[in-house]
Amino acid sequence: MSKHGQRGSDFPQDAREARTDLELTRAELGNTVHELAQKANLPARAKERAGTATEQVRPLLPAFAGALVLLLVVRGIRRRKARH
């Protein structure tokens, strides 16, 4: 016998239980659809990942800029020595 044909099963026994079951099912379905829509929205996911990467790199920018300036200074000194 099927699950719905048995007494004592999870099948609603009256209209109130049926409405409650329907509301819960709708809420679960809504959550599932929302999650699937988020997974399917690739541009938004890419933007979110880019924002996360930017937040992780931002504290390193001053050190990177300082290293770049130092590299350019050393390169300029070497070029001057090579000309003379």
C-alpha atoms as a PDB file:
ATOM      1  CA  MET A   1       0.000   0.000   0.000  1.00  0.00           C
ATOM      2  CA  SER A   2       1.294   3.523  -0.740  1.00  0.00           C
ATOM      3  CA  LYS A   3       2.444   5.945   1.919  1.00  0.00           C
ATOM      4  CA  HIS A   4      -0.590   8.172   1.415  1.00  0.00           C
ATOM      5  CA  GLY A   5      -3.079   5.323   1.803  1.00  0.00           C
ATOM      6  CA  GLN A   6      -1.880   4.284   5.252  1.00  0.00           C
ATOM      7  CA  ARG A   7      -3.342   5.533   8.502  1.00  0.00           C
ATOM      8  CA  GLY A   8      -0.810   7.139  10.810  1.00  0.00           C
ATOM      9  CA  SER A   9       1.337   8.306   7.923  1.00  0.00           C
ATOM     10  CA  ASP A  10       2.542  11.832   7.241  1.00  0.00           C
ATOM     11  CA  PHE A  11      -0.441  12.453   4.991  1.00  0.00           C
ATOM     12  CA  PRO A  12      -2.711  15.202   6.355  1.00  0.00           C
ATOM     13  CA  GLN A  13      -5.794  13.859   8.123  1.00  0.00           C
ATOM     14  CA  ASP A  14      -7.936  17.012   7.975  1.00  0.00           C
ATOM     15  CA  ALA A  15      -8.183  20.365   6.176  1.00  0.00           C
ATOM     16  CA  ARG A  16      -6.136  22.225   8.821  1.00  0.00           C
ATOM     17  CA  GLU A  17      -3.248  19.755   8.532  1.00  0.00           C
ATOM     18  CA  ALA A  18      -3.500  19.890   4.741  1.00  0.00           C
ATOM     19  CA  ARG A  19      -3.239  23.696   4.758  1.00  0.00           C
ATOM     20  CA  THR A  20      -0.269  23.601   7.128  1.00  0.00           C
ATOM     21  CA  ASP A  21       1.415  20.950   4.982  1.00  0.00           C
ATOM     22  CA  LEU A  22       0.750  23.017   1.858  1.00  0.00           C
ATOM     23  CA  GLU A  23       2.189  26.169   3.438  1.00  0.00           C
ATOM     24  CA  LEU A  24       5.336  24.320   4.520  1.00  0.00           C
ATOM     25  CA  THR A  25       5.730  22.778   1.078  1.00  0.00           C
ATOM     26  CA  ARG A  26       5.333  26.186  -0.587  1.00  0.00           C
ATOM     27  CA  ALA A  27       7.928  27.708   1.736  1.00  0.00           C
ATOM     28  CA  GLU A  28      10.403  24.894   1.045  1.00  0.00           C
ATOM     29  CA  LEU A  29       9.787  25.173  -2.690  1.00  0.00           C
ATOM     30  CA  GLY A  30      10.270  28.943  -2.549  1.00  0.00           C
ATOM     31  CA  ASN A  31      13.581  28.526  -0.738  1.00  0.00           C
ATOM     32  CA  THR A  32      14.714  25.922  -3.258  1.00  0.00           C
ATOM     33  CA  VAL A  33      13.789  28.132  -6.212  1.00  0.00           C
ATOM     34  CA  HIS A  34      15.611  31.086  -4.616  1.00  0.00           C
ATOM     35  CA  GLU A  35      18.767  28.994  -4.073  1.00  0.00           C
ATOM     36  CA  LEU A  36      18.667  27.698  -7.654  1.00  0.00           C
ATOM     37  CA  ALA A  37      18.195  31.219  -9.005  1.00  0.00           C
ATOM     38  CA  GLN A  38      21.244  32.397  -7.057  1.00  0.00           C
ATOM     39  CA  LYS A  39      23.343  29.520  -8.398  1.00  0.00           C
ATOM     40  CA  ALA A  40      22.197  30.221 -11.955  1.00  0.00           C
ATOM     41  CA  ASN A  41      22.996  33.955 -11.734  1.00  0.00           C
ATOM     42  CA  LEU A  42      26.607  33.712 -12.869  1.00  0.00           C
ATOM     43  CA  PRO A  43      27.249  37.462 -13.290  1.00  0.00           C
ATOM     44  CA  ALA A  44      26.176  38.124  -9.698  1.00  0.00           C
ATOM     45  CA  ARG A  45      28.292  35.240  -8.402  1.00  0.00           C
ATOM     46  CA  ALA A  46      31.327  36.502 -10.343  1.00  0.00           C
ATOM     47  CA  LYS A  47      30.809  40.017  -8.982  1.00  0.00           C
ATOM     48  CA  GLU A  48      30.554  38.650  -5.441  1.00  0.00           C
ATOM     49  CA  ARG A  49      33.778  36.673  -5.841  1.00  0.00           C
ATOM     50  CA  ALA A  50      35.557  39.686  -7.298  1.00  0.00           C
ATOM     51  CA  GLY A  51      34.448  41.767  -4.324  1.00  0.00           C
ATOM     52  CA  THR A  52      35.748  39.136  -1.935  1.00  0.00           C
ATOM     53  CA  ALA A  53      39.089  38.979  -3.755  1.00  0.00           C
ATOM     54  CA  THR A  54      39.365  42.777  -3.696  1.00  0.00           C
ATOM     55  CA  GLU A  55      38.747  42.826   0.052  1.00  0.00           C
ATOM     56  CA  GLN A  56      41.492  40.245   0.561  1.00  0.00           C
ATOM     57  CA  VAL A  57      44.034  42.096  -1.619  1.00  0.00           C
ATOM     58  CA  ARG A  58      43.311  45.653  -0.477  1.00  0.00           C
ATOM     59  CA  PRO A  59      45.463  45.430   2.718  1.00  0.00           C
ATOM     60  CA  LEU A  60      48.446  44.353   0.580  1.00  0.00           C
ATOM     61  CA  LEU A  61      48.296  47.317  -1.830  1.00  0.00           C
ATOM     62  CA  PRO A  62      50.516  49.722   0.179  1.00  0.00           C
ATOM     63  CA  ALA A  63      53.260  47.094   0.459  1.00  0.00           C
ATOM     64  CA  PHE A  64      52.968  46.290  -3.241  1.00  0.00           C
ATOM     65  CA  ALA A  65      53.152  49.987  -4.176  1.00  0.00           C
ATOM     66  CA  GLY A  66      56.223  50.460  -1.977  1.00  0.00           C
ATOM     67  CA  ALA A  67      57.950  47.448  -3.541  1.00  0.00           C
ATOM     68  CA  LEU A  68      57.161  48.775  -7.024  1.00  0.00           C
ATOM     69  CA  VAL A  69      58.617  52.199  -6.215  1.00  0.00           C
ATOM     70  CA  LEU A  70      61.745  50.568  -4.771  1.00  0.00           C
ATOM     71  CA  LEU A  71      62.115  48.412  -7.880  1.00  0.00           C
ATOM     72  CA  LEU A  72      61.832  51.461 -10.140  1.00  0.00           C
ATOM     73  CA  VAL A  73      64.409  53.378  -8.082  1.00  0.00           C
ATOM     74  CA  VAL A  74      66.885  50.494  -8.189  1.00  0.00           C
ATOM     75  CA  ARG A  75      66.321  50.067 -11.925  1.00  0.00           C
ATOM     76  CA  GLY A  76      66.916  53.809 -12.488  1.00  0.00           C
ATOM     77  CA  ILE A  77      70.155  53.690 -10.461  1.00  0.00           C
ATOM     78  CA  ARG A  78      71.393  50.696 -12.464  1.00  0.00           C
ATOM     79  CA  ARG A  79      70.618  52.432 -15.769  1.00  0.00           C
ATOM     80  CA  ARG A  80      72.541  55.537 -14.664  1.00  0.00           C
ATOM     81  CA  LYS A  81      75.552  53.433 -13.699  1.00  0.00           C
ATOM     82  CA  ALA A  82      75.400  51.567 -17.003  1.00  0.00           C
ATOM     83  CA  ARG A  83      75.490  54.887 -18.973  1.00  0.00           C
ATOM     84  CA  HIS A  84      78.598  56.171 -17.191  1.00  0.00           C
END
